């Protein structure tokens, strides 16, 4: 816990010095390891570099853990997306180190947080809440969440409060992001760090505005009100402002505990997660872009509550229909149709340099688990790793095709969401015929699962677009 007068470092000079010293030390260490490797045999060389990567990961955790903005968000994403950053024998330890960013974000004193609440609400905290637990129940990337009881009607609520000074810290993080990404680049040379950094810059600025997040949450809360297995907590609009967001309190089973539950339960929750994130994109053209394990809880009645809507995206009909058409081309093995679709929409700046058959193979390897595998598939970290490699890494068998493609900005956020959803499902080892579920929105076909039939009845009664 920081001392009472401790502040989030917002000076770019201070923050740059921290990151730069890490980057410099890692460059020297890795150079030293490579030099020493000349005198080692191959096995010892591999072990030394694996250990160095693991040490790099730990130091990245340490530095990112002192930041509350863009860098922290990047660390949280990495904490559950296993993309082969370190060798297999060190993967568990690497995951434990990175998980610290997700589960134990640094805290700020309650006195400081109380000041943010009272300034934002323009009221004394004791006048608004009959009870307010000073110990946070969760730490978000740019704030903390507290449990409280409303004074006027006795409702239990979750109060999300932004760290004081976090806006300036985020701006400094975004200035320093290039250096941090260079560290990441050493661990995974194939990552398109420029695209990742640009996406973070664009979306993190929106995440600072809790009024915008409240709007996003209200939108999905309306869509899923009365849904048989998806729940989005209601927002207390009158108490939600730029730095404070108050919503209905929910209590349930978290991700780490869920991973130890029976296979059937993990399969059920996995299908719900898949339906929520991808279903929102293709059915409602709006979706939460942050499917990490801290953002959902399994409630006592079996419903799954989804939380945190700061990273959010709305799309026009055209890009959504383009994606669905491309998915149909993959399902049907129509290489020429896929090539024409991507060429016509700007994904292929030089279409003549991309062979349609190779393009189909590339796209299929990225989304096969829900487009062409018409059978139950148990997703694993190894599958997620391989999909990531085939999608964006020089180790991909499709690297030549990747070099001749240009990801359109309006689709980048959806692809990130899709990959992170796969990462969550793989951590659960969830099993389903993902293809048959996806056909509900790809082709508008009737559902074949119990959850799908329940959802179809809900959409039929609510009048919402179901496919």
Protein backbone atom coordinates (compact mmCIF):
# COMPACT_ATOMS: atom_id res chain seq x y z
CA UNK A 1 0.00 0.00 0.00
CA UNK A 2 1.48 3.39 -0.93
CA UNK A 3 2.23 5.93 1.78
CA UNK A 4 -0.44 8.60 2.29
CA UNK A 5 1.44 11.22 0.28
CA UNK A 6 2.57 8.85 -2.44
CA UNK A 7 1.30 9.80 -5.89
CA UNK A 8 1.05 8.02 -9.19
CA UNK A 9 4.15 9.09 -11.15
CA UNK A 10 2.92 11.32 -13.95
CA UNK A 11 6.10 13.00 -15.07
CA UNK A 12 7.21 11.66 -18.41
CA UNK A 13 10.82 12.22 -17.34
CA UNK A 14 10.44 10.00 -14.29
CA UNK A 15 8.43 7.36 -16.10
CA UNK A 16 10.69 7.39 -19.14
CA UNK A 17 13.73 6.93 -16.92
CA UNK A 18 12.15 3.85 -15.32
CA UNK A 19 11.30 2.25 -18.63
CA UNK A 20 14.50 3.26 -20.38
CA UNK A 21 16.67 1.80 -17.62
CA UNK A 22 14.81 -1.48 -17.92
CA UNK A 23 15.15 -1.52 -21.70
CA UNK A 24 18.87 -0.74 -21.52
CA UNK A 25 19.59 -3.36 -18.88
CA UNK A 26 17.68 -6.01 -20.83
CA UNK A 27 19.52 -5.18 -24.04
CA UNK A 28 22.87 -5.64 -22.29
CA UNK A 29 21.78 -8.84 -20.55
CA UNK A 30 20.41 -10.44 -23.70
CA UNK A 31 23.52 -9.46 -25.64
CA UNK A 32 25.62 -11.02 -22.90
CA UNK A 33 23.55 -14.17 -23.02
CA UNK A 34 23.92 -14.43 -26.80
CA UNK A 35 27.69 -13.89 -26.56
CA UNK A 36 28.05 -16.56 -23.92
CA UNK A 37 25.93 -18.88 -26.04
CA UNK A 38 28.75 -19.14 -28.56
CA UNK A 39 30.63 -21.29 -26.09
CA UNK A 40 27.63 -23.37 -25.04
CA UNK A 41 26.10 -26.38 -26.68
CA UNK A 42 22.64 -26.02 -28.24
CA UNK A 43 20.67 -27.34 -25.29
CA UNK A 44 22.43 -25.11 -22.77
CA UNK A 45 22.03 -22.16 -25.11
CA UNK A 46 18.29 -22.74 -25.37
CA UNK A 47 17.96 -23.00 -21.59
CA UNK A 48 19.95 -19.80 -21.00
CA UNK A 49 17.87 -17.76 -23.44
CA UNK A 50 14.63 -19.22 -22.05
CA UNK A 51 15.69 -18.16 -18.58
CA UNK A 52 16.57 -14.69 -19.86
CA UNK A 53 13.14 -14.35 -21.44
CA UNK A 54 11.54 -15.37 -18.17
CA UNK A 55 13.60 -12.76 -16.31
CA UNK A 56 12.55 -10.18 -18.89
CA UNK A 57 8.92 -11.08 -18.29
CA UNK A 58 9.34 -10.63 -14.55
CA UNK A 59 10.96 -7.21 -15.01
CA UNK A 60 8.24 -6.15 -17.42
CA UNK A 61 5.72 -7.13 -14.75
CA UNK A 62 7.59 -5.04 -12.20
CA UNK A 63 7.68 -1.91 -14.36
CA UNK A 64 4.19 -2.24 -15.79
CA UNK A 65 2.88 -2.88 -12.29
CA UNK A 66 3.89 0.65 -11.26
CA UNK A 67 1.85 2.14 -14.12
CA UNK A 68 -1.90 2.62 -14.13
CA UNK A 69 -2.58 3.34 -17.79
CA UNK A 70 -1.85 1.95 -21.22
CA UNK A 71 1.09 -0.15 -20.08
CA UNK A 72 -0.91 -1.75 -17.27
CA UNK A 73 -3.66 -2.65 -19.73
CA UNK A 74 -1.11 -4.26 -22.02
CA UNK A 75 0.25 -6.26 -19.10
CA UNK A 76 -3.22 -7.46 -18.17
CA UNK A 77 -3.83 -8.65 -21.70
CA UNK A 78 -0.54 -10.53 -21.70
CA UNK A 79 -1.31 -12.10 -18.32
CA UNK A 80 -3.70 -14.64 -19.79
CA UNK A 81 -2.82 -14.74 -23.48
CA UNK A 82 -0.25 -17.48 -23.83
CA UNK A 83 1.39 -16.89 -27.19
CA UNK A 84 4.58 -18.83 -26.71
CA UNK A 85 6.49 -15.87 -25.31
CA UNK A 86 8.67 -18.19 -23.27
CA UNK A 87 9.68 -21.80 -23.56
CA UNK A 88 7.22 -24.53 -22.57
CA UNK A 89 9.20 -25.52 -19.47
CA UNK A 90 8.88 -22.01 -18.03
CA UNK A 91 5.31 -21.27 -19.13
CA UNK A 92 3.63 -21.86 -15.75
CA UNK A 93 6.07 -19.61 -13.95
CA UNK A 94 5.68 -16.95 -16.65
CA UNK A 95 1.90 -17.08 -16.29
CA UNK A 96 2.16 -16.68 -12.52
CA UNK A 97 4.36 -13.60 -12.90
CA UNK A 98 2.09 -11.93 -15.44
CA UNK A 99 -1.05 -12.86 -13.50
CA UNK A 100 0.13 -10.47 -10.81
CA UNK A 101 -0.87 -7.61 -13.08
CA UNK A 102 -4.38 -8.95 -13.36
CA UNK A 103 -4.99 -9.93 -9.76
CA UNK A 104 -2.87 -7.56 -7.68
CA UNK A 105 -2.77 -4.13 -9.27
CA UNK A 106 -1.19 -1.46 -7.04
CA UNK A 107 -3.55 0.42 -4.74
CA UNK A 108 -3.98 4.03 -3.71
CA UNK A 109 -5.05 5.15 -0.23
CA UNK A 110 -8.77 5.43 0.45
CA UNK A 111 -8.36 9.06 1.53
CA UNK A 112 -7.22 9.91 -1.99
CA UNK A 113 -9.98 7.86 -3.60
CA UNK A 114 -12.64 9.38 -1.34
CA UNK A 115 -11.58 12.82 -2.53
CA UNK A 116 -12.16 11.72 -6.16
CA UNK A 117 -15.64 10.40 -5.30
CA UNK A 118 -16.75 13.50 -3.45
CA UNK A 119 -15.38 15.89 -6.07
CA UNK A 120 -17.08 13.96 -8.88
CA UNK A 121 -20.45 13.53 -7.13
CA UNK A 122 -20.27 16.99 -5.46
CA UNK A 123 -21.61 15.40 -2.28
CA UNK A 124 -20.23 14.00 0.93
CA UNK A 125 -19.75 10.25 0.65
CA UNK A 126 -21.76 9.68 3.86
CA UNK A 127 -24.77 11.45 2.35
CA UNK A 128 -24.82 9.21 -0.73
CA UNK A 129 -23.98 5.84 0.81
CA UNK A 130 -25.25 4.37 4.09
CA UNK A 131 -22.30 1.95 4.03
CA UNK A 132 -19.03 2.14 2.14
CA UNK A 133 -16.31 -0.50 2.50
CA UNK A 134 -12.96 1.25 2.41
CA UNK A 135 -11.09 -1.85 1.28
CA UNK A 136 -11.42 -2.27 -2.51
CA UNK A 137 -12.95 -5.50 -3.80
CA UNK A 138 -11.14 -5.28 -7.13
CA UNK A 139 -8.48 -3.26 -8.90
CA UNK A 140 -9.02 -2.20 -12.49
CA UNK A 141 -6.29 -0.99 -14.82
CA UNK A 142 -7.01 2.68 -14.09
CA UNK A 143 -9.01 2.52 -10.89
CA UNK A 144 -10.43 0.54 -7.98
CA UNK A 145 -13.83 -0.95 -7.24
CA UNK A 146 -15.53 -0.67 -3.85
CA UNK A 147 -18.65 -2.24 -2.37
CA UNK A 148 -21.24 0.12 -0.94
CA UNK A 149 -24.93 0.51 -0.05
CA UNK A 150 -27.02 3.38 -1.35
CA UNK A 151 -28.52 5.62 1.31
CA UNK A 152 -31.77 6.32 -0.54
CA UNK A 153 -32.99 2.80 -1.40
CA UNK A 154 -30.60 0.34 0.28
CA UNK A 155 -29.31 -1.19 -2.96
CA UNK A 156 -25.88 -2.84 -2.88
CA UNK A 157 -23.64 -1.29 -5.52
CA UNK A 158 -20.16 -1.50 -6.95
CA UNK A 159 -18.41 1.88 -7.05
CA UNK A 160 -15.66 2.12 -9.62
CA UNK A 161 -13.34 5.04 -8.90
CA UNK A 162 -10.59 6.35 -11.13
CA UNK A 163 -7.15 6.82 -9.62
CA UNK A 164 -6.35 10.49 -8.94
CA UNK A 165 -3.99 11.83 -11.57
CA UNK A 166 -4.42 8.78 -13.77
CA UNK A 167 -5.21 10.80 -16.90
CA UNK A 168 -1.76 12.40 -16.82
CA UNK A 169 -0.21 9.02 -16.05
CA UNK A 170 -1.94 7.46 -19.04
CA UNK A 171 -0.66 10.17 -21.33
CA UNK A 172 2.86 9.50 -20.08
CA UNK A 173 2.33 5.75 -20.54
CA UNK A 174 1.28 6.31 -24.12
CA UNK A 175 4.36 8.41 -24.76
CA UNK A 176 6.51 5.64 -23.30
CA UNK A 177 4.62 2.81 -24.95
CA UNK A 178 7.07 2.50 -27.81
CA UNK A 179 9.91 1.66 -25.43
CA UNK A 180 7.81 -0.91 -23.59
CA UNK A 181 6.75 -2.45 -26.88
CA UNK A 182 10.40 -2.80 -27.87
CA UNK A 183 10.90 -4.90 -24.75
CA UNK A 184 7.96 -7.07 -25.76
CA UNK A 185 9.38 -7.24 -29.27
CA UNK A 186 12.52 -8.93 -27.94
CA UNK A 187 10.37 -11.71 -26.55
CA UNK A 188 8.12 -12.12 -29.59
CA UNK A 189 9.82 -10.65 -32.70
CA UNK A 190 6.80 -11.27 -34.90
CA UNK A 191 4.41 -9.03 -32.98
CA UNK A 192 3.21 -6.00 -34.94
CA UNK A 193 4.02 -3.63 -32.11
CA UNK A 194 3.08 -0.52 -34.08
CA UNK A 195 -0.48 -1.76 -34.65
CA UNK A 196 -0.82 -2.90 -31.04
CA UNK A 197 0.45 0.42 -29.71
CA UNK A 198 -1.85 2.44 -31.97
CA UNK A 199 -4.88 0.45 -30.89
CA UNK A 200 -4.04 0.92 -27.23
CA UNK A 201 -3.59 4.66 -27.72
CA UNK A 202 -6.97 5.04 -29.39
CA UNK A 203 -8.98 2.91 -26.98
CA UNK A 204 -7.34 3.79 -23.68
CA UNK A 205 -8.34 7.44 -24.02
CA UNK A 206 -11.98 6.34 -24.20
CA UNK A 207 -11.53 4.13 -21.15
CA UNK A 208 -10.67 7.23 -19.08
CA UNK A 209 -14.24 8.53 -19.47
CA UNK A 210 -16.49 6.64 -17.06
CA UNK A 211 -19.55 8.50 -18.39
CA UNK A 212 -18.86 6.91 -21.77
CA UNK A 213 -18.36 3.52 -20.10
CA UNK A 214 -21.69 3.94 -18.29
CA UNK A 215 -23.34 4.57 -21.66
CA UNK A 216 -21.78 1.39 -23.06
CA UNK A 217 -22.90 -0.64 -20.06
CA UNK A 218 -26.45 0.72 -20.22
CA UNK A 219 -26.65 -0.22 -23.88
CA UNK A 220 -25.76 -3.87 -23.25
CA UNK A 221 -27.79 -3.99 -20.05
CA UNK A 222 -30.89 -3.09 -22.07
CA UNK A 223 -30.10 -5.68 -24.73
CA UNK A 224 -29.61 -8.50 -22.21
CA UNK A 225 -32.28 -7.61 -19.65
CA UNK A 226 -34.13 -10.85 -18.93
CA UNK A 227 -31.63 -12.99 -20.84
CA UNK A 228 -31.56 -16.63 -19.65
CA UNK A 229 -27.83 -16.83 -18.95
CA UNK A 230 -26.16 -13.45 -19.62
CA UNK A 231 -26.34 -10.58 -17.16
CA UNK A 232 -25.00 -7.05 -17.45
CA UNK A 233 -25.38 -5.12 -14.18
CA UNK A 234 -27.55 -2.01 -14.25
CA UNK A 235 -25.89 1.40 -14.01
CA UNK A 236 -26.93 3.98 -11.41
CA UNK A 237 -26.90 6.82 -13.92
CA UNK A 238 -27.38 9.66 -11.42
CA UNK A 239 -24.16 8.67 -9.63
CA UNK A 240 -22.01 7.92 -12.67
CA UNK A 241 -19.71 10.69 -13.82
CA UNK A 242 -16.34 11.14 -15.51
CA UNK A 243 -14.28 9.55 -12.71
CA UNK A 244 -16.89 7.50 -10.80
CA UNK A 245 -19.17 4.75 -12.09
CA UNK A 246 -21.81 3.19 -9.82
CA UNK A 247 -23.56 0.00 -10.86
CA UNK A 248 -25.46 -2.94 -9.42
CA UNK A 249 -23.28 -5.18 -7.23
CA UNK A 250 -22.96 -8.82 -8.24
CA UNK A 251 -21.15 -11.63 -6.46
CA UNK A 252 -20.00 -14.88 -8.02
CA UNK A 253 -17.27 -17.36 -8.85
CA UNK A 254 -14.14 -15.91 -10.43
CA UNK A 255 -11.95 -17.27 -13.19
CA UNK A 256 -9.20 -18.93 -11.15
CA UNK A 257 -11.72 -20.93 -9.11
CA UNK A 258 -13.73 -21.77 -12.21
CA UNK A 259 -10.69 -23.36 -13.86
CA UNK A 260 -10.86 -26.10 -11.22
CA UNK A 261 -14.54 -26.87 -11.75
CA UNK A 262 -15.85 -29.96 -13.63
CA UNK A 263 -15.51 -30.07 -17.41
CA UNK A 264 -19.26 -29.77 -18.03
CA UNK A 265 -19.47 -26.51 -16.10
CA UNK A 266 -16.42 -25.07 -17.86
CA UNK A 267 -17.94 -26.06 -21.21
CA UNK A 268 -21.19 -24.30 -20.35
CA UNK A 269 -19.45 -21.10 -19.24
CA UNK A 270 -17.19 -21.27 -22.30
CA UNK A 271 -20.19 -21.35 -24.62
CA UNK A 272 -21.73 -18.39 -22.78
CA UNK A 273 -18.49 -16.39 -23.12
CA UNK A 274 -18.30 -17.24 -26.83
CA UNK A 275 -21.92 -16.22 -27.38
CA UNK A 276 -21.54 -12.98 -25.47
CA UNK A 277 -18.42 -11.60 -27.12
CA UNK A 278 -18.77 -12.82 -30.71
CA UNK A 279 -22.55 -12.80 -30.61
CA UNK A 280 -22.57 -9.13 -29.59
CA UNK A 281 -20.36 -8.24 -32.54
CA UNK A 282 -22.29 -10.13 -35.20
CA UNK A 283 -25.81 -9.69 -33.85
CA UNK A 284 -25.73 -6.23 -32.33
CA UNK A 285 -22.69 -4.59 -34.01
CA UNK A 286 -21.37 -3.45 -30.65
CA UNK A 287 -19.21 -5.36 -28.22
CA UNK A 288 -16.96 -5.24 -25.19
CA UNK A 289 -13.38 -5.41 -26.35
CA UNK A 290 -11.86 -6.63 -23.10
CA UNK A 291 -12.62 -10.34 -22.59
CA UNK A 292 -10.12 -11.03 -19.86
CA UNK A 293 -10.84 -13.31 -16.88
CA UNK A 294 -11.38 -10.53 -14.37
CA UNK A 295 -14.36 -9.24 -16.35
CA UNK A 296 -16.90 -11.96 -15.70
CA UNK A 297 -18.36 -13.86 -12.74
CA UNK A 298 -20.49 -16.99 -12.60
CA UNK A 299 -23.43 -16.16 -10.35
CA UNK A 300 -25.19 -18.54 -7.96
CA UNK A 301 -28.13 -19.03 -10.36
CA UNK A 302 -25.77 -20.11 -13.16
CA UNK A 303 -25.94 -16.89 -15.13
CA UNK A 304 -22.71 -15.18 -16.09
CA UNK A 305 -22.31 -11.50 -15.27
CA UNK A 306 -20.06 -9.47 -17.57
CA UNK A 307 -18.27 -6.42 -16.21
CA UNK A 308 -16.14 -3.49 -17.36
CA UNK A 309 -17.14 -1.80 -20.61
CA UNK A 310 -14.47 0.88 -20.91
CA UNK A 311 -12.98 -0.77 -23.99
CA UNK A 312 -15.94 -0.86 -26.32
CA UNK A 313 -16.57 -0.75 -30.05
CA UNK A 314 -19.55 0.03 -32.25
CA UNK A 315 -19.51 -0.82 -35.95
CA UNK A 316 -21.49 0.17 -39.02
CA UNK A 317 -23.35 -2.64 -40.84
CA UNK A 318 -20.87 -2.83 -43.75
CA UNK A 319 -17.74 -4.07 -41.91
CA UNK A 320 -19.83 -6.60 -39.96
CA UNK A 321 -21.40 -7.96 -43.14
CA UNK A 322 -17.96 -8.10 -44.77
CA UNK A 323 -16.62 -10.23 -41.92
CA UNK A 324 -19.59 -12.59 -42.10
CA UNK A 325 -19.20 -12.92 -45.87
CA UNK A 326 -15.51 -13.70 -45.43
CA UNK A 327 -16.34 -16.33 -42.81
CA UNK A 328 -18.85 -17.95 -45.19
CA UNK A 329 -16.17 -18.07 -47.88
CA UNK A 330 -13.84 -19.86 -45.44
CA UNK A 331 -16.55 -22.32 -44.38
CA UNK A 332 -17.31 -23.08 -48.03
CA UNK A 333 -13.67 -23.22 -49.10
CA UNK A 334 -14.23 -20.52 -51.75
CA UNK A 335 -10.76 -19.04 -52.20
CA UNK A 336 -11.72 -16.75 -55.09
CA UNK A 337 -14.66 -15.26 -53.19
CA UNK A 338 -12.49 -14.59 -50.14
CA UNK A 339 -9.78 -12.99 -52.29
CA UNK A 340 -12.33 -10.75 -53.99
CA UNK A 341 -13.88 -9.69 -50.69
CA UNK A 342 -10.56 -8.76 -49.07
CA UNK A 343 -9.18 -7.12 -52.20
CA UNK A 344 -12.31 -5.02 -52.62
CA UNK A 345 -12.26 -3.81 -49.03
CA UNK A 346 -8.62 -2.70 -48.88
CA UNK A 347 -7.12 -5.67 -47.04
CA UNK A 348 -4.96 -6.50 -50.06
CA UNK A 349 -3.17 -3.37 -51.34
CA UNK A 350 -1.65 -5.45 -54.17
CA UNK A 351 -4.17 -8.24 -54.79
CA UNK A 352 -2.20 -9.72 -57.67
CA UNK A 353 0.65 -10.63 -55.30
CA UNK A 354 -1.58 -12.80 -53.10
CA UNK A 355 -2.56 -16.26 -54.29
CA UNK A 356 -6.23 -17.00 -53.44
CA UNK A 357 -5.51 -20.55 -52.27
CA UNK A 358 -2.73 -19.38 -49.95
CA UNK A 359 -4.93 -16.57 -48.66
CA UNK A 360 -7.71 -19.02 -47.84
CA UNK A 361 -5.27 -21.26 -45.98
CA UNK A 362 -3.97 -18.30 -43.98
CA UNK A 363 -7.41 -17.05 -42.91
CA UNK A 364 -8.65 -20.59 -42.24
CA UNK A 365 -5.74 -21.28 -39.89
CA UNK A 366 -6.69 -18.21 -37.86
CA UNK A 367 -10.40 -19.01 -37.46
CA UNK A 368 -10.68 -22.75 -38.16
CA UNK A 369 -11.86 -23.52 -34.64
CA UNK A 370 -15.27 -21.96 -35.32
CA UNK A 371 -15.50 -22.00 -39.14
CA UNK A 372 -14.32 -25.37 -40.48
CA UNK A 373 -14.05 -27.71 -37.48
CA UNK A 374 -17.56 -29.14 -37.52
CA UNK A 375 -17.01 -31.30 -34.45
CA UNK A 376 -16.45 -30.79 -30.73
CA UNK A 377 -13.09 -29.08 -30.13
CA UNK A 378 -11.48 -28.71 -26.72
CA UNK A 379 -9.55 -25.47 -26.77
CA UNK A 380 -6.16 -25.40 -25.05
CA UNK A 381 -3.32 -22.89 -24.56
CA UNK A 382 -1.39 -24.79 -27.24
CA UNK A 383 -4.20 -24.18 -29.75
CA UNK A 384 -4.36 -20.49 -28.84
CA UNK A 385 -0.60 -20.22 -29.20
CA UNK A 386 -0.64 -21.87 -32.62
CA UNK A 387 -3.49 -19.65 -33.84
CA UNK A 388 -1.56 -16.57 -32.71
CA UNK A 389 1.59 -17.78 -34.43
CA UNK A 390 -0.22 -18.50 -37.69
CA UNK A 391 -1.97 -15.14 -37.53
CA UNK A 392 0.86 -12.76 -36.75
CA UNK A 393 4.26 -14.34 -36.21
CA UNK A 394 7.23 -14.86 -38.58
CA UNK A 395 7.11 -18.52 -37.58
CA UNK A 396 3.78 -18.74 -39.41
CA UNK A 397 3.64 -20.91 -42.49
CA UNK A 398 1.75 -18.00 -44.07
CA UNK A 399 4.27 -15.27 -43.39
CA UNK A 400 4.51 -14.33 -47.07
CA UNK A 401 0.74 -13.78 -47.29
CA UNK A 402 0.81 -11.74 -44.08
CA UNK A 403 3.38 -9.33 -45.55
CA UNK A 404 1.00 -8.44 -48.39
CA UNK A 405 -2.00 -7.67 -46.20
CA UNK A 406 -3.10 -4.50 -44.48
CA UNK A 407 -5.43 -4.75 -41.47
CA UNK A 408 -8.17 -2.16 -41.79
CA UNK A 409 -8.57 -0.06 -38.60
CA UNK A 410 -12.29 -0.76 -38.24
CA UNK A 411 -11.61 -4.50 -38.01
CA UNK A 412 -8.54 -4.50 -35.78
CA UNK A 413 -10.43 -4.20 -32.52
CA UNK A 414 -12.74 -7.09 -33.38
CA UNK A 415 -9.82 -9.35 -34.24
CA UNK A 416 -8.21 -8.55 -30.91
CA UNK A 417 -11.45 -9.40 -29.11
CA UNK A 418 -11.71 -12.67 -31.02
CA UNK A 419 -8.15 -13.66 -30.11
CA UNK A 420 -8.58 -12.79 -26.44
CA UNK A 421 -11.85 -14.71 -26.32
CA UNK A 422 -10.00 -17.74 -27.69
CA UNK A 423 -7.34 -17.20 -25.01
CA UNK A 424 -9.93 -17.21 -22.21
CA UNK A 425 -11.66 -20.31 -23.60
CA UNK A 426 -8.31 -22.06 -23.93
CA UNK A 427 -7.45 -21.34 -20.30
CA UNK A 428 -10.76 -22.97 -19.35
CA UNK A 429 -10.05 -25.92 -21.68
CA UNK A 430 -13.65 -25.43 -22.82
CA UNK A 431 -15.09 -27.96 -25.26
CA UNK A 432 -17.89 -27.36 -27.80
CA UNK A 433 -18.76 -27.52 -31.47
CA UNK A 434 -17.94 -23.84 -31.87
CA UNK A 435 -18.71 -24.02 -35.59
CA UNK A 436 -22.34 -25.04 -35.05
CA UNK A 437 -22.81 -22.21 -32.54
CA UNK A 438 -21.26 -19.65 -34.92
CA UNK A 439 -23.52 -20.77 -37.78
CA UNK A 440 -26.37 -19.07 -35.93
CA UNK A 441 -24.96 -15.66 -36.92
CA UNK A 442 -22.89 -16.69 -39.95
CA UNK A 443 -25.87 -18.29 -41.74
CA UNK A 444 -28.82 -17.47 -39.51
CA UNK A 445 -29.36 -21.17 -38.78
CA UNK A 446 -31.40 -22.43 -35.81
CA UNK A 447 -29.40 -23.33 -32.69
CA UNK A 448 -28.35 -26.89 -31.91
CA UNK A 449 -27.41 -26.45 -28.23
CA UNK A 450 -29.60 -26.06 -25.15
CA UNK A 451 -28.17 -22.62 -24.46
CA UNK A 452 -28.72 -21.62 -28.07
CA UNK A 453 -32.38 -22.62 -27.97
CA UNK A 454 -32.90 -20.69 -24.73
CA UNK A 455 -31.27 -17.64 -26.28
CA UNK A 456 -33.38 -17.95 -29.44
CA UNK A 457 -36.54 -17.93 -27.30
CA UNK A 458 -35.27 -14.81 -25.53
CA UNK A 459 -34.61 -12.98 -28.79
CA UNK A 460 -37.98 -14.08 -30.12
CA UNK A 461 -39.78 -12.64 -27.10
CA UNK A 462 -37.70 -9.48 -26.87
CA UNK A 463 -37.99 -8.62 -30.55
CA UNK A 464 -34.22 -8.11 -30.83
CA UNK A 465 -32.35 -9.18 -33.93
CA UNK A 466 -31.18 -12.74 -33.25
CA UNK A 467 -29.05 -13.37 -36.35
